[in-house]
Amino acid sequence: RFLLLLTVGFHLFGFAQEQKSPTFSSIDVNYFSGNIALHNDDILHLITGHPEGVIVSWNKKTFG
């Protein structure tokens, strides 16, 4: 009798774990611009202006 209750209990516990957790997703877009600090004269020819760009990220929160 105890073995039957234990088996049924574990079976129900296994079904409880299959529920999907709520999720939340978001998209984040950030624009950036800046300056490059002069730190070496050997790479001065590579610096042509101020860097600028966009960072796009996707965030997904999981609960649990």
PDB file of N, CA and C in Angstrom:
ATOM      1  N   ARG A   1       0.832  -1.196   0.000  1.00  0.00           N
ATOM      2  CA  ARG A   1       0.000   0.000   0.000  1.00  0.00           C
ATOM      3  C   ARG A   1       0.882   1.267   0.000  1.00  0.00           C
ATOM      4  N   PHE A   2       1.927   1.250   0.817  1.00  0.00           N
ATOM      5  CA  PHE A   2       2.842   2.390   0.876  1.00  0.00           C
ATOM      6  C   PHE A   2       3.557   2.581  -0.462  1.00  0.00           C
ATOM      7  N   LEU A   3       3.956   1.475  -1.077  1.00  0.00           N
ATOM      8  CA  LEU A   3       4.640   1.538  -2.363  1.00  0.00           C
ATOM      9  C   LEU A   3       3.737   2.122  -3.446  1.00  0.00           C
ATOM     10  N   LEU A   4       2.455   1.786  -3.408  1.00  0.00           N
ATOM     11  CA  LEU A   4       1.496   2.327  -4.370  1.00  0.00           C
ATOM     12  C   LEU A   4       1.353   3.838  -4.193  1.00  0.00           C
ATOM     13  N   LEU A   5       1.214   4.304  -2.957  1.00  0.00           N
ATOM     14  CA  LEU A   5       1.101   5.745  -2.696  1.00  0.00           C
ATOM     15  C   LEU A   5       2.383   6.480  -3.099  1.00  0.00           C
ATOM     16  N   LEU A   6       3.511   5.868  -2.843  1.00  0.00           N
ATOM     17  CA  LEU A   6       4.783   6.482  -3.208  1.00  0.00           C
ATOM     18  C   LEU A   6       4.918   6.594  -4.730  1.00  0.00           C
ATOM     19  N   THR A   7       4.528   5.557  -5.443  1.00  0.00           N
ATOM     20  CA  THR A   7       4.594   5.571  -6.904  1.00  0.00           C
ATOM     21  C   THR A   7       3.658   6.616  -7.490  1.00  0.00           C
ATOM     22  N   VAL A   8       2.433   6.696  -6.982  1.00  0.00           N
ATOM     23  CA  VAL A   8       1.469   7.691  -7.467  1.00  0.00           C
ATOM     24  C   VAL A   8       1.962   9.097  -7.135  1.00  0.00           C
ATOM     25  N   GLY A   9       2.551   9.283  -5.964  1.00  0.00           N
ATOM     26  CA  GLY A   9       3.072  10.590  -5.568  1.00  0.00           C
ATOM     27  C   GLY A   9       4.176  11.067  -6.495  1.00  0.00           C
ATOM     28  N   PHE A  10       5.120  10.182  -6.835  1.00  0.00           N
ATOM     29  CA  PHE A  10       6.191  10.558  -7.757  1.00  0.00           C
ATOM     30  C   PHE A  10       5.662  10.816  -9.158  1.00  0.00           C
ATOM     31  N   HIS A  11       4.635  10.065  -9.562  1.00  0.00           N
ATOM     32  CA  HIS A  11       4.035  10.259 -10.880  1.00  0.00           C
ATOM     33  C   HIS A  11       3.391  11.647 -10.971  1.00  0.00           C
ATOM     34  N   LEU A  12       2.658  12.041  -9.945  1.00  0.00           N
ATOM     35  CA  LEU A  12       2.023  13.362  -9.939  1.00  0.00           C
ATOM     36  C   LEU A  12       3.064  14.471  -9.851  1.00  0.00           C
ATOM     37  N   PHE A  13       4.138  14.225  -9.107  1.00  0.00           N
ATOM     38  CA  PHE A  13       5.210  15.210  -9.000  1.00  0.00           C
ATOM     39  C   PHE A  13       5.870  15.429 -10.361  1.00  0.00           C
ATOM     40  N   GLY A  14       6.021  14.386 -11.139  1.00  0.00           N
ATOM     41  CA  GLY A  14       6.596  14.498 -12.478  1.00  0.00           C
ATOM     42  C   GLY A  14       5.728  15.327 -13.399  1.00  0.00           C
ATOM     43  N   PHE A  15       4.411  15.185 -13.310  1.00  0.00           N
ATOM     44  CA  PHE A  15       3.513  15.997 -14.125  1.00  0.00           C
ATOM     45  C   PHE A  15       3.551  17.459 -13.706  1.00  0.00           C
ATOM     46  N   ALA A  16       3.770  17.722 -12.438  1.00  0.00           N
ATOM     47  CA  ALA A  16       3.805  19.106 -11.957  1.00  0.00           C
ATOM     48  C   ALA A  16       5.008  19.848 -12.529  1.00  0.00           C
ATOM     49  N   GLN A  17       6.079  19.138 -12.851  1.00  0.00           N
ATOM     50  CA  GLN A  17       7.283  19.776 -13.371  1.00  0.00           C
ATOM     51  C   GLN A  17       7.173  20.128 -14.850  1.00  0.00           C
ATOM     52  N   GLU A  18       6.169  19.597 -15.552  1.00  0.00           N
ATOM     53  CA  GLU A  18       6.064  19.830 -16.984  1.00  0.00           C
ATOM     54  C   GLU A  18       5.330  21.115 -17.339  1.00  0.00           C
ATOM     55  N   GLN A  19       4.834  21.848 -16.364  1.00  0.00           N
ATOM     56  CA  GLN A  19       4.131  23.092 -16.664  1.00  0.00           C
ATOM     57  C   GLN A  19       5.137  24.123 -17.160  1.00  0.00           C
ATOM     58  N   LYS A  20       4.728  24.881 -18.150  1.00  0.00           N
ATOM     59  CA  LYS A  20       5.618  25.901 -18.698  1.00  0.00           C
ATOM     60  C   LYS A  20       5.650  27.120 -17.780  1.00  0.00           C
ATOM     61  N   SER A  21       6.837  27.627 -17.556  1.00  0.00           N
ATOM     62  CA  SER A  21       6.998  28.830 -16.747  1.00  0.00           C
ATOM     63  C   SER A  21       6.646  30.052 -17.589  1.00  0.00           C
ATOM     64  N   PRO A  22       6.127  31.101 -16.968  1.00  0.00           N
ATOM     65  CA  PRO A  22       5.849  32.320 -17.736  1.00  0.00           C
ATOM     66  C   PRO A  22       7.159  32.964 -18.189  1.00  0.00           C
ATOM     67  N   THR A  23       7.155  33.501 -19.382  1.00  0.00           N
ATOM     68  CA  THR A  23       8.348  34.169 -19.908  1.00  0.00           C
ATOM     69  C   THR A  23       7.989  35.580 -20.353  1.00  0.00           C
ATOM     70  N   PHE A  24       8.965  36.431 -20.367  1.00  0.00           N
ATOM     71  CA  PHE A  24       8.797  37.812 -20.795  1.00  0.00           C
ATOM     72  C   PHE A  24       9.963  38.156 -21.707  1.00  0.00           C
ATOM     73  N   SER A  25       9.673  38.653 -22.889  1.00  0.00           N
ATOM     74  CA  SER A  25      10.715  39.024 -23.846  1.00  0.00           C
ATOM     75  C   SER A  25      10.633  40.506 -24.162  1.00  0.00           C
ATOM     76  N   SER A  26      11.783  41.096 -24.420  1.00  0.00           N
ATOM     77  CA  SER A  26      11.820  42.501 -24.817  1.00  0.00           C
ATOM     78  C   SER A  26      13.000  42.718 -25.762  1.00  0.00           C
ATOM     79  N   ILE A  27      12.870  43.735 -26.583  1.00  0.00           N
ATOM     80  CA  ILE A  27      13.939  44.136 -27.498  1.00  0.00           C
ATOM     81  C   ILE A  27      14.431  45.512 -27.065  1.00  0.00           C
ATOM     82  N   ASP A  28      15.741  45.653 -26.987  1.00  0.00           N
ATOM     83  CA  ASP A  28      16.354  46.897 -26.535  1.00  0.00           C
ATOM     84  C   ASP A  28      17.248  47.422 -27.653  1.00  0.00           C
ATOM     85  N   VAL A  29      17.095  48.701 -28.003  1.00  0.00           N
ATOM     86  CA  VAL A  29      17.903  49.335 -29.042  1.00  0.00           C
ATOM     87  C   VAL A  29      18.586  50.551 -28.425  1.00  0.00           C
ATOM     88  N   ASN A  30      19.920  50.602 -28.513  1.00  0.00           N
ATOM     89  CA  ASN A  30      20.692  51.706 -27.947  1.00  0.00           C
ATOM     90  C   ASN A  30      21.629  52.287 -29.002  1.00  0.00           C
ATOM     91  N   TYR A  31      21.602  53.597 -29.129  1.00  0.00           N
ATOM     92  CA  TYR A  31      22.521  54.319 -30.013  1.00  0.00           C
ATOM     93  C   TYR A  31      23.695  54.813 -29.179  1.00  0.00           C
ATOM     94  N   PHE A  32      24.900  54.711 -29.720  1.00  0.00           N
ATOM     95  CA  PHE A  32      26.056  55.231 -28.996  1.00  0.00           C
ATOM     96  C   PHE A  32      26.947  56.028 -29.939  1.00  0.00           C
ATOM     97  N   SER A  33      27.665  56.982 -29.356  1.00  0.00           N
ATOM     98  CA  SER A  33      28.696  57.736 -30.066  1.00  0.00           C
ATOM     99  C   SER A  33      29.750  58.129 -29.042  1.00  0.00           C
ATOM    100  N   GLY A  34      30.949  58.398 -29.505  1.00  0.00           N
ATOM    101  CA  GLY A  34      31.988  58.717 -28.540  1.00  0.00           C
ATOM    102  C   GLY A  34      33.258  59.212 -29.186  1.00  0.00           C
ATOM    103  N   ASN A  35      34.310  59.172 -28.411  1.00  0.00           N
ATOM    104  CA  ASN A  35      35.635  59.617 -28.835  1.00  0.00           C
ATOM    105  C   ASN A  35      36.631  58.490 -28.612  1.00  0.00           C
ATOM    106  N   ILE A  36      37.665  58.481 -29.424  1.00  0.00           N
ATOM    107  CA  ILE A  36      38.760  57.538 -29.230  1.00  0.00           C
ATOM    108  C   ILE A  36      39.929  58.322 -28.656  1.00  0.00           C
ATOM    109  N   ALA A  37      40.400  57.907 -27.497  1.00  0.00           N
ATOM    110  CA  ALA A  37      41.515  58.595 -26.852  1.00  0.00           C
ATOM    111  C   ALA A  37      42.822  58.258 -27.575  1.00  0.00           C
ATOM    112  N   LEU A  38      43.613  59.266 -27.813  1.00  0.00           N
ATOM    113  CA  LEU A  38      44.917  59.071 -28.451  1.00  0.00           C
ATOM    114  C   LEU A  38      45.849  58.403 -27.438  1.00  0.00           C
ATOM    115  N   HIS A  39      46.285  57.193 -27.751  1.00  0.00           N
ATOM    116  CA  HIS A  39      47.161  56.497 -26.818  1.00  0.00           C
ATOM    117  C   HIS A  39      48.419  55.945 -27.488  1.00  0.00           C
ATOM    118  N   ASN A  40      48.483  56.019 -28.815  1.00  0.00           N
ATOM    119  CA  ASN A  40      49.670  55.529 -29.504  1.00  0.00           C
ATOM    120  C   ASN A  40      49.744  56.221 -30.868  1.00  0.00           C
ATOM    121  N   ASP A  41      50.874  56.835 -31.174  1.00  0.00           N
ATOM    122  CA  ASP A  41      51.036  57.536 -32.454  1.00  0.00           C
ATOM    123  C   ASP A  41      51.088  56.577 -33.643  1.00  0.00           C
ATOM    124  N   ASP A  42      51.403  55.313 -33.399  1.00  0.00           N
ATOM    125  CA  ASP A  42      51.510  54.344 -34.494  1.00  0.00           C
ATOM    126  C   ASP A  42      50.154  54.009 -35.122  1.00  0.00           C
ATOM    127  N   ILE A  43      49.064  54.203 -34.398  1.00  0.00           N
ATOM    128  CA  ILE A  43      47.741  53.883 -34.957  1.00  0.00           C
ATOM    129  C   ILE A  43      46.930  55.137 -35.259  1.00  0.00           C
ATOM    130  N   LEU A  44      47.591  56.264 -35.318  1.00  0.00           N
ATOM    131  CA  LEU A  44      46.890  57.525 -35.568  1.00  0.00           C
ATOM    132  C   LEU A  44      46.187  57.519 -36.926  1.00  0.00           C
ATOM    133  N   HIS A  45      46.741  56.817 -37.909  1.00  0.00           N
ATOM    134  CA  HIS A  45      46.118  56.764 -39.234  1.00  0.00           C
ATOM    135  C   HIS A  45      44.808  55.962 -39.232  1.00  0.00           C
ATOM    136  N   LEU A  46      44.573  55.147 -38.210  1.00  0.00           N
ATOM    137  CA  LEU A  46      43.338  54.360 -38.127  1.00  0.00           C
ATOM    138  C   LEU A  46      42.169  55.160 -37.554  1.00  0.00           C
ATOM    139  N   ILE A  47      42.479  56.226 -36.834  1.00  0.00           N
ATOM    140  CA  ILE A  47      41.432  57.033 -36.209  1.00  0.00           C
ATOM    141  C   ILE A  47      40.989  58.087 -37.214  1.00  0.00           C
ATOM    142  N   THR A  48      39.790  57.926 -37.755  1.00  0.00           N
ATOM    143  CA  THR A  48      39.309  58.846 -38.791  1.00  0.00           C
ATOM    144  C   THR A  48      38.145  59.699 -38.324  1.00  0.00           C
ATOM    145  N   GLY A  49      37.599  59.458 -37.168  1.00  0.00           N
ATOM    146  CA  GLY A  49      36.463  60.248 -36.698  1.00  0.00           C
ATOM    147  C   GLY A  49      35.950  59.712 -35.377  1.00  0.00           C
ATOM    148  N   HIS A  50      34.739  60.077 -35.084  1.00  0.00           N
ATOM    149  CA  HIS A  50      34.110  59.636 -33.842  1.00  0.00           C
ATOM    150  C   HIS A  50      33.323  58.348 -34.099  1.00  0.00           C
ATOM    151  N   PRO A  51      33.533  57.321 -33.271  1.00  0.00           N
ATOM    152  CA  PRO A  51      32.777  56.087 -33.477  1.00  0.00           C
ATOM    153  C   PRO A  51      31.311  56.276 -33.088  1.00  0.00           C
ATOM    154  N   GLU A  52      30.438  55.650 -33.844  1.00  0.00           N
ATOM    155  CA  GLU A  52      29.021  55.657 -33.512  1.00  0.00           C
ATOM    156  C   GLU A  52      28.412  54.373 -34.040  1.00  0.00           C
ATOM    157  N   GLY A  53      27.326  53.972 -33.419  1.00  0.00           N
ATOM    158  CA  GLY A  53      26.690  52.732 -33.833  1.00  0.00           C
ATOM    159  C   GLY A  53      25.418  52.479 -33.058  1.00  0.00           C
ATOM    160  N   VAL A  54      24.874  51.297 -33.275  1.00  0.00           N
ATOM    161  CA  VAL A  54      23.630  50.876 -32.638  1.00  0.00           C
ATOM    162  C   VAL A  54      23.846  49.485 -32.060  1.00  0.00           C
ATOM    163  N   ILE A  55      23.371  49.287 -30.834  1.00  0.00           N
ATOM    164  CA  ILE A  55      23.388  47.974 -30.201  1.00  0.00           C
ATOM    165  C   ILE A  55      21.946  47.506 -30.084  1.00  0.00           C
ATOM    166  N   VAL A  56      21.647  46.351 -30.680  1.00  0.00           N
ATOM    167  CA  VAL A  56      20.304  45.764 -30.602  1.00  0.00           C
ATOM    168  C   VAL A  56      20.419  44.490 -29.788  1.00  0.00           C
ATOM    169  N   SER A  57      19.609  44.366 -28.737  1.00  0.00           N
ATOM    170  CA  SER A  57      19.642  43.166 -27.914  1.00  0.00           C
ATOM    171  C   SER A  57      18.240  42.645 -27.657  1.00  0.00           C
ATOM    172  N   TRP A  58      18.164  41.334 -27.483  1.00  0.00           N
ATOM    173  CA  TRP A  58      16.907  40.651 -27.184  1.00  0.00           C
ATOM    174  C   TRP A  58      17.052  40.030 -25.809  1.00  0.00           C
ATOM    175  N   ASN A  59      16.142  40.364 -24.899  1.00  0.00           N
ATOM    176  CA  ASN A  59      16.181  39.882 -23.526  1.00  0.00           C
ATOM    177  C   ASN A  59      15.005  38.948 -23.291  1.00  0.00           C
ATOM    178  N   LYS A  60      15.262  37.838 -22.620  1.00  0.00           N
ATOM    179  CA  LYS A  60      14.208  36.886 -22.288  1.00  0.00           C
ATOM    180  C   LYS A  60      14.335  36.536 -20.816  1.00  0.00           C
ATOM    181  N   LYS A  61      13.313  36.881 -20.044  1.00  0.00           N
ATOM    182  CA  LYS A  61      13.302  36.564 -18.621  1.00  0.00           C
ATOM    183  C   LYS A  61      12.594  35.231 -18.424  1.00  0.00           C
ATOM    184  N   THR A  62      13.167  34.406 -17.578  1.00  0.00           N
ATOM    185  CA  THR A  62      12.507  33.169 -17.189  1.00  0.00           C
ATOM    186  C   THR A  62      12.305  33.206 -15.687  1.00  0.00           C
ATOM    187  N   PHE A  63      11.217  32.709 -15.252  1.00  0.00           N
ATOM    188  CA  PHE A  63      10.877  32.726 -13.838  1.00  0.00           C
ATOM    189  C   PHE A  63      10.950  31.296 -13.324  1.00  0.00           C
ATOM    190  N   GLY A  64      11.977  31.026 -12.521  1.00  0.00           N
ATOM    191  CA  GLY A  64      12.032  29.699 -11.930  1.00  0.00           C
ATOM    192  C   GLY A  64      13.327  29.015 -12.054  1.00  0.00           C
TER     193      GLY A  64
END
